[in-house]
Amino acid sequence: MEMSEVPLKPVGKKNIRALELALVLGSLLREDVLKQALEARDKVTWLDSLLVAAGALARERAGMPITQIAEELGRTEAAIRGHLQGKTEAGRIVREAYNSLVKSGGRLELALSVTVSSEECVKKIEELERRSKELEEKLSKAKESLRVLLSQL
């Protein structure tokens, strides 16, 4: 995203949505947050909190009052205050993403790397080959059974 696409002080719905999206991406695509999201027991609730926190911060930066933010996001004012004051983990993570945007002058910088060892790759390939052979054997048996049935007819 370019700087003009991520307004730090949004005006209007379009700019609010752009900042909200940048906050979600900037938060969720951090390696530590991705791990946390994958390990969370209730992933839907965890991700929902992150989305609400991003929406709340984007609207706060646009100058909306908490009552309006709560109404738009369908949450209580207390929940919105908790996110905005950093009392929730999602609120803290989103605030860090916003501070990162401020430091970069509004540029969303994402660096995502996935490291997989060669041992893991070999194990996965071996597992896929084993499963493929099993499926081939089952298919061969099914074909033979079908041939027998057809010859009996």
Protein backbone atom coordinates (compact mmCIF):
# COMPACT_ATOMS: atom_id res chain seq x y z
CA MET A 1 0.00 0.00 0.00
CA GLU A 2 1.14 3.50 -0.64
CA MET A 3 1.21 6.29 1.90
CA SER A 4 -1.82 7.98 0.36
CA GLU A 5 -3.80 4.77 0.84
CA VAL A 6 -3.24 4.66 4.61
CA PRO A 7 -4.43 7.91 6.16
CA LEU A 8 -3.29 8.28 9.77
CA LYS A 9 -6.11 10.76 10.48
CA PRO A 10 -8.93 9.49 8.27
CA VAL A 11 -11.74 11.65 6.98
CA GLY A 12 -14.77 9.82 5.65
CA LYS A 13 -15.79 6.18 5.51
CA LYS A 14 -13.38 5.23 2.71
CA ASN A 15 -10.36 6.52 4.63
CA ILE A 16 -11.57 4.90 7.85
CA ARG A 17 -11.83 1.55 6.04
CA ALA A 18 -8.34 2.01 4.56
CA LEU A 19 -6.83 2.66 7.99
CA GLU A 20 -8.86 -0.18 9.50
CA LEU A 21 -7.58 -2.61 6.86
CA ALA A 22 -4.00 -1.43 7.31
CA LEU A 23 -4.31 -1.94 11.07
CA VAL A 24 -5.74 -5.43 10.64
CA LEU A 25 -3.02 -6.43 8.17
CA GLY A 26 -0.27 -4.74 10.16
CA SER A 27 -1.43 -6.56 13.28
CA LEU A 28 -2.34 -9.97 11.96
CA LEU A 29 0.67 -10.50 9.69
CA ARG A 30 3.24 -10.09 12.43
CA GLU A 31 4.93 -13.42 13.07
CA ASP A 32 4.18 -13.40 16.81
CA VAL A 33 0.54 -12.51 16.24
CA LEU A 34 0.13 -15.17 13.55
CA LYS A 35 1.47 -17.79 15.95
CA GLN A 36 -0.83 -16.50 18.65
CA ALA A 37 -3.83 -16.63 16.33
CA LEU A 38 -3.02 -20.17 15.25
CA GLU A 39 -2.58 -21.32 18.84
CA ALA A 40 -5.71 -19.59 20.15
CA ARG A 41 -8.37 -21.98 21.35
CA ASP A 42 -11.24 -19.90 20.06
CA LYS A 43 -9.80 -18.44 16.87
CA VAL A 44 -13.06 -16.77 15.83
CA THR A 45 -13.33 -14.81 19.08
CA TRP A 46 -9.65 -13.92 19.01
CA LEU A 47 -9.81 -12.64 15.43
CA ASP A 48 -13.09 -10.84 16.11
CA SER A 49 -11.42 -8.94 18.96
CA LEU A 50 -8.58 -7.94 16.68
CA LEU A 51 -11.01 -6.71 14.01
CA VAL A 52 -13.08 -4.77 16.52
CA ALA A 53 -9.96 -3.18 18.02
CA ALA A 54 -8.77 -2.13 14.54
CA GLY A 55 -12.20 -0.73 13.68
CA ALA A 56 -12.37 1.13 16.97
CA LEU A 57 -8.94 2.71 16.59
CA ALA A 58 -9.55 3.74 12.98
CA ARG A 59 -12.82 5.41 13.98
CA GLU A 60 -11.24 7.05 17.02
CA ARG A 61 -8.51 8.50 14.78
CA ALA A 62 -11.32 9.91 12.61
CA GLY A 63 -12.65 11.74 15.67
CA MET A 64 -15.76 9.64 16.27
CA PRO A 65 -17.13 9.55 19.81
CA ILE A 66 -17.05 6.21 21.64
CA THR A 67 -20.84 5.94 21.60
CA GLN A 68 -20.90 6.13 17.80
CA ILE A 69 -17.98 3.69 17.48
CA ALA A 70 -19.76 1.21 19.76
CA GLU A 71 -22.96 1.54 17.76
CA GLU A 72 -21.23 1.08 14.39
CA LEU A 73 -19.25 -1.94 15.56
CA GLY A 74 -22.09 -3.50 17.53
CA ARG A 75 -20.16 -3.62 20.81
CA THR A 76 -20.57 -2.04 24.21
CA GLU A 77 -18.89 1.25 25.00
CA ALA A 78 -16.92 -0.55 27.73
CA ALA A 79 -15.55 -3.05 25.19
CA ILE A 80 -14.54 -0.22 22.85
CA ARG A 81 -12.88 1.71 25.69
CA GLY A 82 -10.99 -1.45 26.70
CA HIS A 83 -9.56 -1.83 23.19
CA LEU A 84 -8.73 1.86 22.81
CA GLN A 85 -7.08 2.09 26.22
CA GLY A 86 -4.97 -0.99 25.53
CA LYS A 87 -6.60 -3.02 28.30
CA THR A 88 -7.11 -5.89 25.86
CA GLU A 89 -4.37 -7.76 24.05
CA ALA A 90 -6.06 -7.03 20.72
CA GLY A 91 -6.11 -3.33 21.61
CA ARG A 92 -2.39 -3.36 22.42
CA ILE A 93 -1.51 -5.23 19.22
CA VAL A 94 -3.53 -2.84 17.05
CA ARG A 95 -2.04 0.18 18.83
CA GLU A 96 1.45 -1.18 18.05
CA ALA A 97 0.43 -1.53 14.40
CA TYR A 98 -0.79 2.07 14.38
CA ASN A 99 2.43 3.32 15.98
CA SER A 100 4.36 1.42 13.32
CA LEU A 101 2.29 3.16 10.64
CA VAL A 102 3.03 6.53 12.25
CA LYS A 103 6.77 5.79 12.35
CA SER A 104 6.76 4.79 8.68
CA GLY A 105 4.87 7.91 7.65
CA GLY A 106 1.72 5.99 6.80
CA ARG A 107 3.37 3.23 4.79
CA LEU A 108 2.24 -0.28 5.51
CA GLU A 109 5.33 -2.44 5.56
CA LEU A 110 4.72 -6.16 5.75
CA ALA A 111 7.45 -8.74 5.94
CA LEU A 112 6.21 -12.28 6.11
CA SER A 113 8.52 -15.21 6.05
CA VAL A 114 7.77 -18.84 6.62
CA THR A 115 10.58 -21.16 7.48
CA VAL A 116 10.21 -24.87 6.94
CA SER A 117 13.07 -27.24 7.55
CA SER A 118 14.15 -29.66 4.86
CA GLU A 119 13.40 -32.49 7.30
CA GLU A 120 9.79 -31.33 7.54
CA CYS A 121 9.54 -31.18 3.76
CA VAL A 122 10.97 -34.66 3.35
CA LYS A 123 8.57 -36.05 5.98
CA LYS A 124 5.61 -34.41 4.25
CA ILE A 125 6.67 -35.72 0.84
CA GLU A 126 7.16 -39.23 2.23
CA GLU A 127 3.73 -39.09 3.88
CA LEU A 128 2.11 -37.91 0.64
CA GLU A 129 3.86 -40.68 -1.32
CA ARG A 130 2.71 -43.29 1.22
CA ARG A 131 -0.88 -42.05 1.06
CA SER A 132 -0.72 -41.95 -2.74
CA LYS A 133 0.39 -45.61 -2.84
CA GLU A 134 -2.41 -46.57 -0.44
CA LEU A 135 -4.96 -44.83 -2.65
CA GLU A 136 -3.55 -46.48 -5.77
CA GLU A 137 -3.88 -49.90 -4.10
CA LYS A 138 -7.47 -49.17 -3.07
CA LEU A 139 -8.28 -47.99 -6.57
CA SER A 140 -6.73 -51.12 -8.06
CA LYS A 141 -8.78 -53.34 -5.71
CA ALA A 142 -11.94 -51.39 -6.55
CA LYS A 143 -11.27 -51.80 -10.28
CA GLU A 144 -10.73 -55.54 -9.84
CA SER A 145 -13.95 -55.86 -7.83
CA LEU A 146 -15.78 -53.96 -10.55
CA ARG A 147 -14.33 -56.25 -13.25
CA VAL A 148 -15.50 -59.31 -11.32
CA LEU A 149 -18.97 -57.87 -10.89
CA LEU A 150 -19.20 -56.95 -14.58
CA SER A 151 -18.07 -60.44 -15.66
CA GLN A 152 -20.77 -61.99 -13.45
CA LEU A 153 -23.43 -59.86 -15.11
